[in-house]
């Protein structure tokens, strides 16, 4: 049952990620018309926005790991 939920989750993530690819063309067009400082700002913003979901997911998995470890004892 748990494996089925994981499979559905990853399938959902894969299917919904294709819809976000269209936004990259818009960012690229803005950066191509600007100077290098604007391009660096866009890259820093993208990095900043990408870090937090990974941190949140990492914290979630760590919390589940700690909960299961303490529950076994």
N, C-alpha and C. Protein backbone atom coordinates (compact mmCIF):
# COMPACT_ATOMS: atom_id res chain seq x y z
N UNK A 1 0.83 -1.19 0.00
CA UNK A 1 0.00 0.00 0.00
C UNK A 1 0.87 1.25 0.00
N UNK A 2 1.92 1.25 0.85
CA UNK A 2 2.80 2.41 0.94
C UNK A 2 3.57 2.62 -0.37
N UNK A 3 4.00 1.53 -1.01
CA UNK A 3 4.72 1.64 -2.27
C UNK A 3 3.83 2.19 -3.37
N UNK A 4 2.56 1.87 -3.31
CA UNK A 4 1.61 2.38 -4.30
C UNK A 4 1.47 3.89 -4.17
N UNK A 5 1.45 4.39 -2.94
CA UNK A 5 1.35 5.83 -2.72
C UNK A 5 2.60 6.56 -3.22
N UNK A 6 3.76 5.96 -2.99
CA UNK A 6 5.00 6.57 -3.47
C UNK A 6 5.02 6.60 -4.99
N UNK A 7 4.60 5.53 -5.63
CA UNK A 7 4.56 5.48 -7.08
C UNK A 7 3.62 6.53 -7.64
N UNK A 8 2.45 6.67 -7.04
CA UNK A 8 1.48 7.67 -7.50
C UNK A 8 2.05 9.08 -7.29
N UNK A 9 2.73 9.31 -6.19
CA UNK A 9 3.32 10.62 -5.92
C UNK A 9 4.36 10.98 -6.98
N UNK A 10 5.29 10.07 -7.28
CA UNK A 10 6.31 10.37 -8.27
C UNK A 10 5.73 10.50 -9.67
N UNK A 11 4.72 9.72 -9.98
CA UNK A 11 4.05 9.85 -11.26
C UNK A 11 3.37 11.21 -11.38
N UNK A 12 2.73 11.65 -10.32
CA UNK A 12 2.10 12.97 -10.31
C UNK A 12 3.13 14.07 -10.47
N UNK A 13 4.28 13.95 -9.77
CA UNK A 13 5.34 14.95 -9.88
C UNK A 13 5.89 15.02 -11.30
N UNK A 14 6.04 13.87 -11.94
CA UNK A 14 6.57 13.83 -13.30
C UNK A 14 5.60 14.47 -14.28
N UNK A 15 4.33 14.17 -14.14
CA UNK A 15 3.34 14.70 -15.08
C UNK A 15 3.10 16.19 -14.90
N UNK A 16 3.16 16.69 -13.69
CA UNK A 16 2.91 18.11 -13.48
C UNK A 16 4.14 18.97 -13.75
N UNK A 17 5.32 18.38 -13.76
CA UNK A 17 6.52 19.18 -14.00
C UNK A 17 6.64 19.63 -15.44
N UNK A 18 6.04 18.92 -16.38
CA UNK A 18 6.11 19.31 -17.78
C UNK A 18 5.37 20.62 -18.04
N UNK A 19 4.38 20.95 -17.26
CA UNK A 19 3.64 22.19 -17.45
C UNK A 19 4.47 23.41 -17.07
N UNK A 20 5.46 23.24 -16.23
CA UNK A 20 6.27 24.37 -15.78
C UNK A 20 7.41 24.69 -16.74
N UNK A 21 7.67 23.86 -17.75
CA UNK A 21 8.75 24.14 -18.69
C UNK A 21 8.48 25.38 -19.53
N UNK A 22 7.25 25.74 -19.74
CA UNK A 22 6.94 26.90 -20.59
C UNK A 22 7.42 28.20 -19.97
N UNK A 23 7.57 28.25 -18.67
CA UNK A 23 8.02 29.48 -18.02
C UNK A 23 9.49 29.74 -18.28
N UNK A 24 10.27 28.75 -18.57
CA UNK A 24 11.70 28.94 -18.80
C UNK A 24 11.96 29.79 -20.04
N UNK A 25 11.15 29.67 -21.07
CA UNK A 25 11.33 30.47 -22.27
C UNK A 25 11.12 31.95 -21.97
N UNK A 26 10.20 32.25 -21.09
CA UNK A 26 9.94 33.64 -20.74
C UNK A 26 11.13 34.21 -19.96
N UNK A 27 11.67 33.47 -19.04
CA UNK A 27 12.84 33.94 -18.28
C UNK A 27 14.03 34.13 -19.22
N UNK A 28 14.23 33.21 -20.14
CA UNK A 28 15.36 33.29 -21.06
C UNK A 28 15.24 34.54 -21.93
N UNK A 29 14.06 34.86 -22.40
CA UNK A 29 13.87 36.04 -23.24
C UNK A 29 14.18 37.32 -22.46
N UNK A 30 13.79 37.38 -21.21
CA UNK A 30 14.07 38.56 -20.38
C UNK A 30 15.56 38.70 -20.15
N UNK A 31 16.24 37.61 -19.88
CA UNK A 31 17.66 37.66 -19.57
C UNK A 31 18.48 37.99 -20.82
N UNK A 32 18.06 37.48 -21.98
CA UNK A 32 18.81 37.76 -23.21
C UNK A 32 18.79 39.24 -23.56
N UNK A 33 17.74 39.94 -23.22
CA UNK A 33 17.63 41.36 -23.53
C UNK A 33 18.29 42.25 -22.49
N UNK A 34 18.67 41.70 -21.36
CA UNK A 34 19.24 42.49 -20.28
C UNK A 34 20.75 42.39 -20.22
N UNK A 35 21.29 42.97 -19.18
CA UNK A 35 22.74 42.91 -18.99
C UNK A 35 23.11 41.74 -18.08
N UNK A 36 24.41 41.59 -17.81
CA UNK A 36 24.86 40.42 -17.04
C UNK A 36 24.43 40.49 -15.58
N UNK A 37 24.31 41.70 -15.04
CA UNK A 37 23.89 41.78 -13.63
C UNK A 37 22.45 41.31 -13.46
N UNK A 38 21.60 41.57 -14.46
CA UNK A 38 20.22 41.09 -14.38
C UNK A 38 20.20 39.56 -14.52
N UNK A 39 21.06 39.03 -15.39
CA UNK A 39 21.11 37.57 -15.55
C UNK A 39 21.57 36.91 -14.25
N UNK A 40 22.54 37.49 -13.58
CA UNK A 40 22.99 36.94 -12.31
C UNK A 40 21.89 37.03 -11.26
N UNK A 41 21.13 38.11 -11.29
CA UNK A 41 20.02 38.25 -10.35
C UNK A 41 18.95 37.21 -10.56
N UNK A 42 18.63 36.93 -11.83
CA UNK A 42 17.64 35.90 -12.14
C UNK A 42 18.15 34.53 -11.69
N UNK A 43 19.42 34.24 -11.95
CA UNK A 43 19.98 32.96 -11.53
C UNK A 43 19.98 32.82 -10.02
N UNK A 44 20.32 33.89 -9.31
CA UNK A 44 20.29 33.84 -7.85
C UNK A 44 18.87 33.65 -7.33
N UNK A 45 17.92 34.30 -7.97
CA UNK A 45 16.52 34.14 -7.56
C UNK A 45 16.02 32.72 -7.78
N UNK A 46 16.40 32.13 -8.90
CA UNK A 46 16.00 30.74 -9.17
C UNK A 46 16.61 29.80 -8.14
N UNK A 47 17.87 30.01 -7.84
CA UNK A 47 18.53 29.18 -6.83
C UNK A 47 17.87 29.34 -5.47
N UNK A 48 17.57 30.57 -5.11
CA UNK A 48 16.92 30.84 -3.83
C UNK A 48 15.56 30.15 -3.75
N UNK A 49 14.79 30.20 -4.82
CA UNK A 49 13.47 29.58 -4.82
C UNK A 49 13.53 28.06 -4.85
N UNK A 50 14.60 27.49 -5.40
CA UNK A 50 14.69 26.04 -5.48
C UNK A 50 15.20 25.40 -4.19
N UNK A 51 15.89 26.15 -3.37
CA UNK A 51 16.48 25.58 -2.16
C UNK A 51 15.41 25.20 -1.14
N UNK A 52 14.41 26.03 -0.96
CA UNK A 52 13.45 25.81 0.12
C UNK A 52 12.58 24.56 -0.04
N UNK A 53 12.09 24.23 -1.23
CA UNK A 53 11.35 22.95 -1.31
C UNK A 53 12.20 21.75 -0.94
N UNK A 54 13.48 21.74 -1.35
CA UNK A 54 14.35 20.63 -0.99
C UNK A 54 14.61 20.59 0.51
N UNK A 55 14.77 21.74 1.13
CA UNK A 55 14.94 21.77 2.58
C UNK A 55 13.70 21.26 3.30
N UNK A 56 12.53 21.68 2.84
CA UNK A 56 11.29 21.23 3.48
C UNK A 56 11.09 19.73 3.33
N UNK A 57 11.36 19.20 2.16
CA UNK A 57 11.22 17.76 1.95
C UNK A 57 12.24 17.00 2.78
N UNK A 58 13.46 17.53 2.85
CA UNK A 58 14.49 16.90 3.68
C UNK A 58 14.09 16.88 5.15
N UNK A 59 13.55 18.00 5.63
CA UNK A 59 13.10 18.05 7.02
C UNK A 59 11.94 17.09 7.27
N UNK A 60 11.06 16.95 6.30
CA UNK A 60 9.94 16.02 6.43
C UNK A 60 10.45 14.59 6.54
N UNK A 61 11.37 14.20 5.66
CA UNK A 61 11.91 12.84 5.71
C UNK A 61 12.70 12.61 7.00
N UNK A 62 13.42 13.62 7.47
CA UNK A 62 14.15 13.49 8.72
C UNK A 62 13.19 13.30 9.89
N UNK A 63 12.09 14.06 9.89
CA UNK A 63 11.10 13.93 10.97
C UNK A 63 10.45 12.54 10.95
N UNK A 64 10.15 12.04 9.77
CA UNK A 64 9.56 10.70 9.67
C UNK A 64 10.56 9.65 10.13
N UNK A 65 11.82 9.82 9.74
CA UNK A 65 12.87 8.90 10.16
C UNK A 65 12.99 8.88 11.68
N UNK A 66 13.03 10.05 12.30
CA UNK A 66 13.16 10.14 13.75
C UNK A 66 11.94 9.54 14.45
N UNK A 67 10.76 9.80 13.89
CA UNK A 67 9.54 9.26 14.48
C UNK A 67 9.55 7.74 14.42
N UNK A 68 9.90 7.18 13.28
CA UNK A 68 9.92 5.72 13.15
C UNK A 68 11.01 5.10 14.02
N UNK A 69 12.15 5.78 14.13
CA UNK A 69 13.24 5.26 14.96
C UNK A 69 12.83 5.25 16.43
N UNK A 70 12.18 6.29 16.90
CA UNK A 70 11.74 6.33 18.30
C UNK A 70 10.56 5.41 18.56
N UNK A 71 9.73 5.17 17.55
CA UNK A 71 8.57 4.32 17.71
C UNK A 71 8.97 2.85 17.86
N UNK A 72 10.07 2.45 17.20
CA UNK A 72 10.53 1.05 17.28
C UNK A 72 11.05 0.72 18.67
N UNK A 73 11.62 1.70 19.37
CA UNK A 73 12.20 1.44 20.69
C UNK A 73 11.14 1.44 21.70
